[in-house]
Amino acid sequence: MKKNILKLAAILLIITLSFSMVACSSSKPDIQTKGPAKAGHIKLGCVPTTEEVAKLIKDALEKGGSTVEIVMFDANNMPATALKDGNIDAIIANHLPWIKTFSKENNTDLQMVQPYYYYSPFRIYSTKYQLIDQLPTGAKVIMPNDPANQDRSLRMLTECKLVKLNEKKGNFYTKMDIVDNPKKIEITEVEVTATARSISDVDAIFSMAFIAQKTGNIDPNVFLYEDPQSSNYQMGLIVKAADVNAKWAVDAMELLKTDPYKVKFNEIFKGAFTLIN
């Protein structure tokens, strides 16, 4: 009798341990290295200057099975802020150095999905002069006020031998780093999407070609000087780090690299954007 009781107790113990192991096993998180196959309903943020690109991305995402709602923002930093706060799922609005700076300054981790899509040449435009050397003493120029684009604008001025900057101490140059300004150029800083709007009020502006084109009164291919590093400022679909390798995002960007989409892209932008091979 005593042996039977001990045998029964041993069996019950084995059963209990088996259930415990199953429970522990089922509680482990399901790790997905590439994210879900589809994101379901995606809110895609953009600004007016990237709306047409957003439409192409929307089409590619929907071919992958998602539904997409384009959400328009008025200012360059607003889509990234909305993405950071979880109000939208992806954006097409900012170049790679800009988004890296934004992530660092806002303690977040927004990333661009590969393959990267395109870039826009960054140029100095003027409706008053045809050559950079024609800018007069006291010339008024407008450049972007965000760190990444102001830095590249100031570097362009040094390349044109219009100003001299001190030795770089931080991540980005600012107006305070100008140590020699022989032509006494007056610099005004505004939001990057607004620089081209004031071209008739000043002697020159710094602008991405597609923003200049959007004004309707600037030929994006007629300019005083172009940043030789433009191709380093890639544009593409930006998401939170958890989604950067998600299948729905990667598949859409790869689809945009196919010939039918390349033809559409070039027909729409006529050289204001350059596709990345």
Protein backbone atom coordinates (compact mmCIF):
# COMPACT_ATOMS: atom_id res chain seq x y z
CA MET A 1 0.00 0.00 0.00
CA LYS A 2 2.78 2.37 0.99
CA LYS A 3 4.61 1.60 -2.28
CA ASN A 4 1.49 2.41 -4.30
CA ILE A 5 1.13 5.77 -2.56
CA LEU A 6 4.75 6.64 -3.27
CA LYS A 7 4.38 5.57 -6.90
CA LEU A 8 1.25 7.73 -7.29
CA ALA A 9 3.02 10.72 -5.74
CA ALA A 10 5.93 10.32 -8.17
CA ILE A 11 3.57 10.25 -11.14
CA LEU A 12 1.77 13.40 -9.94
CA LEU A 13 5.12 15.17 -9.49
CA ILE A 14 6.17 14.31 -13.05
CA ILE A 15 2.86 15.61 -14.44
CA THR A 16 3.20 18.86 -12.47
CA LEU A 17 6.74 19.44 -13.69
CA SER A 18 5.66 18.79 -17.29
CA PHE A 19 2.93 21.43 -17.13
CA SER A 20 5.39 23.90 -15.58
CA MET A 21 7.86 23.38 -18.40
CA VAL A 22 5.13 23.93 -21.03
CA ALA A 23 4.00 27.13 -19.28
CA CYS A 24 7.56 28.46 -19.14
CA SER A 25 8.13 27.59 -22.78
CA SER A 26 4.94 29.34 -23.92
CA SER A 27 5.83 32.50 -22.01
CA LYS A 28 8.98 33.18 -24.07
CA PRO A 29 8.62 36.09 -26.51
CA ASP A 30 8.24 35.32 -30.20
CA ILE A 31 11.28 37.05 -31.70
CA GLN A 32 10.81 38.20 -35.32
CA THR A 33 13.99 39.46 -36.89
CA LYS A 34 12.27 40.81 -40.00
CA GLY A 35 8.99 42.02 -38.53
CA PRO A 36 5.52 41.15 -39.77
CA ALA A 37 4.88 40.30 -43.40
CA LYS A 38 2.34 43.13 -43.56
CA ALA A 39 1.86 46.17 -41.39
CA GLY A 40 -1.91 46.28 -41.90
CA HIS A 41 -2.95 49.94 -41.92
CA ILE A 42 0.02 52.31 -42.23
CA LYS A 43 -0.02 56.02 -41.52
CA LEU A 44 2.65 57.55 -43.76
CA GLY A 45 3.75 61.08 -42.87
CA CYS A 46 5.12 63.57 -45.38
CA VAL A 47 5.49 67.30 -46.06
CA PRO A 48 4.21 69.11 -49.17
CA THR A 49 7.58 68.83 -50.91
CA THR A 50 7.60 65.02 -50.56
CA GLU A 51 3.91 64.37 -51.19
CA GLU A 52 4.46 62.99 -54.70
CA VAL A 53 7.12 60.57 -53.39
CA ALA A 54 4.73 59.54 -50.61
CA LYS A 55 2.17 58.60 -53.26
CA LEU A 56 4.70 56.31 -54.99
CA ILE A 57 5.61 54.69 -51.66
CA LYS A 58 1.91 54.29 -50.82
CA ASP A 59 1.39 52.45 -54.10
CA ALA A 60 4.34 50.12 -53.41
CA LEU A 61 3.20 49.41 -49.84
CA GLU A 62 -0.33 48.63 -50.97
CA LYS A 63 0.99 46.18 -53.54
CA GLY A 64 2.44 44.34 -50.53
CA GLY A 65 -0.99 44.04 -48.97
CA SER A 66 -1.08 47.01 -46.59
CA THR A 67 -3.53 49.89 -46.61
CA VAL A 68 -1.93 53.32 -46.44
CA GLU A 69 -3.12 56.70 -45.21
CA ILE A 70 -0.95 59.70 -46.14
CA VAL A 71 -0.73 62.25 -43.33
CA MET A 72 0.43 65.74 -44.38
CA PHE A 73 2.49 67.99 -42.09
CA ASP A 74 3.37 71.66 -42.57
CA ALA A 75 6.87 71.76 -41.06
CA ASN A 76 9.98 69.69 -41.77
CA ASN A 77 10.39 68.36 -38.22
CA MET A 78 6.74 67.52 -37.54
CA PRO A 79 6.60 64.09 -39.28
CA ALA A 80 9.65 62.85 -37.35
CA THR A 81 8.15 64.08 -34.09
CA ALA A 82 4.87 62.30 -34.85
CA LEU A 83 6.75 59.09 -35.68
CA LYS A 84 8.79 59.34 -32.49
CA ASP A 85 5.59 59.77 -30.47
CA GLY A 86 3.94 56.77 -32.13
CA ASN A 87 1.21 58.75 -33.88
CA ILE A 88 2.21 57.50 -37.35
CA ASP A 89 4.08 54.45 -38.64
CA ALA A 90 6.54 55.80 -41.23
CA ILE A 91 7.62 59.03 -42.91
CA ILE A 92 9.16 60.30 -46.13
CA ALA A 93 10.37 63.81 -45.35
CA ASN A 94 14.01 64.06 -44.24
CA HIS A 95 17.46 63.01 -45.44
CA LEU A 96 19.66 60.55 -43.57
CA PRO A 97 22.03 62.98 -41.77
CA TRP A 98 19.00 65.03 -40.63
CA ILE A 99 17.20 62.03 -39.17
CA LYS A 100 20.34 60.83 -37.39
CA THR A 101 20.71 64.26 -35.79
CA PHE A 102 17.02 64.34 -34.85
CA SER A 103 17.26 60.90 -33.21
CA LYS A 104 20.32 61.91 -31.20
CA GLU A 105 18.83 65.21 -30.03
CA ASN A 106 15.46 63.65 -29.14
CA ASN A 107 16.70 60.44 -27.51
CA THR A 108 14.93 58.23 -30.04
CA ASP A 109 15.96 55.76 -32.72
CA LEU A 110 14.44 56.48 -36.11
CA GLN A 111 16.09 54.74 -39.04
CA MET A 112 15.92 54.70 -42.82
CA VAL A 113 14.89 51.49 -44.54
CA GLN A 114 17.33 50.05 -47.05
CA PRO A 115 17.63 50.20 -49.99
CA TYR A 116 17.74 54.00 -49.83
CA TYR A 117 15.63 55.68 -52.49
CA TYR A 118 17.00 58.97 -53.87
CA TYR A 119 18.67 62.26 -53.08
CA SER A 120 18.06 65.86 -54.04
CA PRO A 121 20.96 68.05 -55.19
CA PHE A 122 21.55 70.89 -52.72
CA ARG A 123 22.27 74.15 -54.53
CA ILE A 124 22.67 77.91 -54.27
CA TYR A 125 20.01 79.66 -56.35
CA SER A 126 19.57 83.28 -57.39
CA THR A 127 17.19 85.19 -59.63
CA LYS A 128 19.55 88.20 -59.71
CA TYR A 129 22.91 86.69 -60.59
CA GLN A 130 24.22 84.00 -62.89
CA LEU A 131 27.61 83.34 -61.29
CA ILE A 132 28.57 82.87 -57.65
CA ASP A 133 31.37 85.45 -58.02
CA GLN A 134 28.76 88.10 -58.89
CA LEU A 135 27.34 88.15 -55.36
CA PRO A 136 27.97 91.71 -54.12
CA THR A 137 29.38 92.99 -50.87
CA GLY A 138 26.65 92.85 -48.24
CA ALA A 139 24.78 90.16 -50.18
CA LYS A 140 21.75 88.82 -48.34
CA VAL A 141 21.43 85.04 -48.37
CA ILE A 142 18.96 82.63 -46.80
CA MET A 143 19.97 79.19 -45.58
CA PRO A 144 18.22 76.41 -43.60
CA ASN A 145 18.18 76.67 -39.82
CA ASP A 146 18.50 72.97 -38.93
CA PRO A 147 22.00 71.81 -37.91
CA ALA A 148 22.72 69.39 -40.78
CA ASN A 149 21.63 71.70 -43.61
CA GLN A 150 23.13 74.83 -42.10
CA ASP A 151 26.43 73.00 -41.77
CA ARG A 152 26.45 72.00 -45.44
CA SER A 153 25.42 75.53 -46.48
CA LEU A 154 28.36 77.07 -44.61
CA ARG A 155 30.73 74.50 -46.08
CA MET A 156 29.51 75.45 -49.55
CA LEU A 157 30.26 79.12 -48.81
CA THR A 158 33.81 78.16 -47.84
CA GLU A 159 34.19 76.09 -51.02
CA CYS A 160 33.15 79.20 -52.97
CA LYS A 161 35.75 81.20 -50.98
CA LEU A 162 33.08 83.59 -49.67
CA VAL A 163 33.68 82.92 -45.96
CA LYS A 164 36.24 81.17 -43.78
CA LEU A 165 35.30 78.95 -40.84
CA ASN A 166 37.25 78.17 -37.69
CA GLU A 167 38.47 74.69 -36.87
CA LYS A 168 35.50 72.43 -36.29
CA LYS A 169 34.82 71.90 -32.58
CA GLY A 170 31.38 70.31 -32.59
CA ASN A 171 29.25 68.18 -34.88
CA PHE A 172 28.06 71.00 -37.13
CA TYR A 173 29.19 74.44 -38.18
CA THR A 174 26.97 77.42 -37.33
CA LYS A 175 27.15 81.12 -38.21
CA MET A 176 29.15 81.63 -35.04
CA ASP A 177 32.02 79.65 -36.62
CA ILE A 178 32.61 82.24 -39.36
CA VAL A 179 35.98 83.87 -38.72
CA ASP A 180 36.37 85.74 -42.00
CA ASN A 181 33.60 87.24 -44.11
CA PRO A 182 35.27 89.63 -46.59
CA LYS A 183 32.07 90.35 -48.52
CA LYS A 184 30.12 90.90 -45.30
CA ILE A 185 27.47 88.43 -46.41
CA GLU A 186 24.30 88.69 -44.33
CA ILE A 187 22.86 85.28 -43.45
CA THR A 188 19.25 84.69 -42.46
CA GLU A 189 18.17 81.26 -41.24
CA VAL A 190 14.71 79.82 -41.90
CA GLU A 191 13.05 76.41 -41.97
CA VAL A 192 14.50 74.32 -44.81
CA THR A 193 11.24 74.04 -46.77
CA ALA A 194 10.83 77.85 -46.69
CA THR A 195 14.19 79.05 -48.05
CA ALA A 196 13.16 79.10 -51.71
CA ARG A 197 9.99 81.11 -51.09
CA SER A 198 12.00 84.26 -50.40
CA ILE A 199 14.34 84.10 -53.37
CA SER A 200 13.03 87.37 -54.87
CA ASP A 201 13.71 89.22 -51.59
CA VAL A 202 17.39 88.30 -51.28
CA ASP A 203 20.48 87.81 -53.41
CA ALA A 204 20.70 84.02 -53.06
CA ILE A 205 19.17 81.08 -51.23
CA PHE A 206 20.31 77.57 -50.33
CA SER A 207 17.79 74.93 -51.26
CA MET A 208 17.34 71.34 -52.27
CA ALA A 209 16.47 71.19 -55.95
CA PHE A 210 13.03 69.67 -55.38
CA ILE A 211 12.05 72.41 -52.93
CA ALA A 212 13.19 75.05 -55.41
CA GLN A 213 11.16 73.34 -58.13
CA LYS A 214 8.05 73.35 -55.93
CA THR A 215 7.98 77.15 -55.83
CA GLY A 216 7.04 77.22 -59.50
CA ASN A 217 9.33 80.17 -60.29
CA ILE A 218 12.75 78.53 -59.97
CA ASP A 219 14.28 76.24 -62.55
CA PRO A 220 15.95 73.61 -60.33
CA ASN A 221 18.66 73.03 -62.91
CA VAL A 222 19.78 76.70 -63.11
CA PHE A 223 21.96 77.47 -60.09
CA LEU A 224 25.12 79.21 -58.86
CA TYR A 225 26.75 76.27 -57.09
CA GLU A 226 25.97 72.66 -56.13
CA ASP A 227 27.07 70.79 -53.03
CA PRO A 228 29.45 68.07 -54.29
CA GLN A 229 28.39 65.92 -51.34
CA SER A 230 24.69 65.88 -52.27
CA SER A 231 24.64 62.11 -52.82
CA ASN A 232 25.53 61.59 -49.14
CA TYR A 233 22.15 63.02 -48.10
CA GLN A 234 19.99 60.04 -48.99
CA MET A 235 16.22 60.09 -48.76
CA GLY A 236 13.97 57.10 -48.11
CA LEU A 237 11.31 55.54 -45.93
CA ILE A 238 11.95 56.30 -42.24
CA VAL A 239 10.54 54.10 -39.47
CA LYS A 240 11.22 53.23 -35.85
CA ALA A 241 14.21 50.93 -35.33
CA ALA A 242 11.92 47.95 -34.66
CA ASP A 243 10.55 48.21 -38.22
CA VAL A 244 13.73 48.97 -40.18
CA ASN A 245 14.01 45.33 -41.37
CA ALA A 246 10.27 44.62 -41.48
CA LYS A 247 9.28 42.75 -44.63
CA TRP A 248 6.49 45.20 -45.51
CA ALA A 249 8.96 48.09 -45.49
CA VAL A 250 11.91 46.42 -47.24
CA ASP A 251 9.70 44.86 -49.93
CA ALA A 252 8.15 48.24 -50.74
CA MET A 253 11.54 49.95 -51.11
CA GLU A 254 12.85 47.14 -53.32
CA LEU A 255 9.73 47.37 -55.49
CA LEU A 256 10.40 51.09 -55.98
CA LYS A 257 13.77 50.15 -57.53
CA THR A 258 12.11 48.31 -60.42
CA ASP A 259 12.00 49.84 -63.90
CA PRO A 260 8.28 50.79 -63.98
CA TYR A 261 8.65 52.82 -60.79
CA LYS A 262 11.91 54.40 -61.98
CA VAL A 263 10.14 55.64 -65.11
CA LYS A 264 7.30 57.12 -63.03
CA PHE A 265 9.76 58.77 -60.68
CA ASN A 266 11.77 60.47 -63.43
CA GLU A 267 8.62 61.63 -65.24
CA ILE A 268 7.36 63.31 -62.07
CA PHE A 269 10.54 64.99 -60.81
CA LYS A 270 12.43 65.82 -64.02
CA GLY A 271 15.89 65.93 -62.44
CA ALA A 272 14.96 67.60 -59.13
CA PHE A 273 15.50 64.21 -57.49
CA THR A 274 18.19 61.69 -58.40
CA LEU A 275 17.51 57.98 -57.91
CA ILE A 276 20.10 55.97 -55.98
CA ASN A 277 21.19 52.91 -57.96
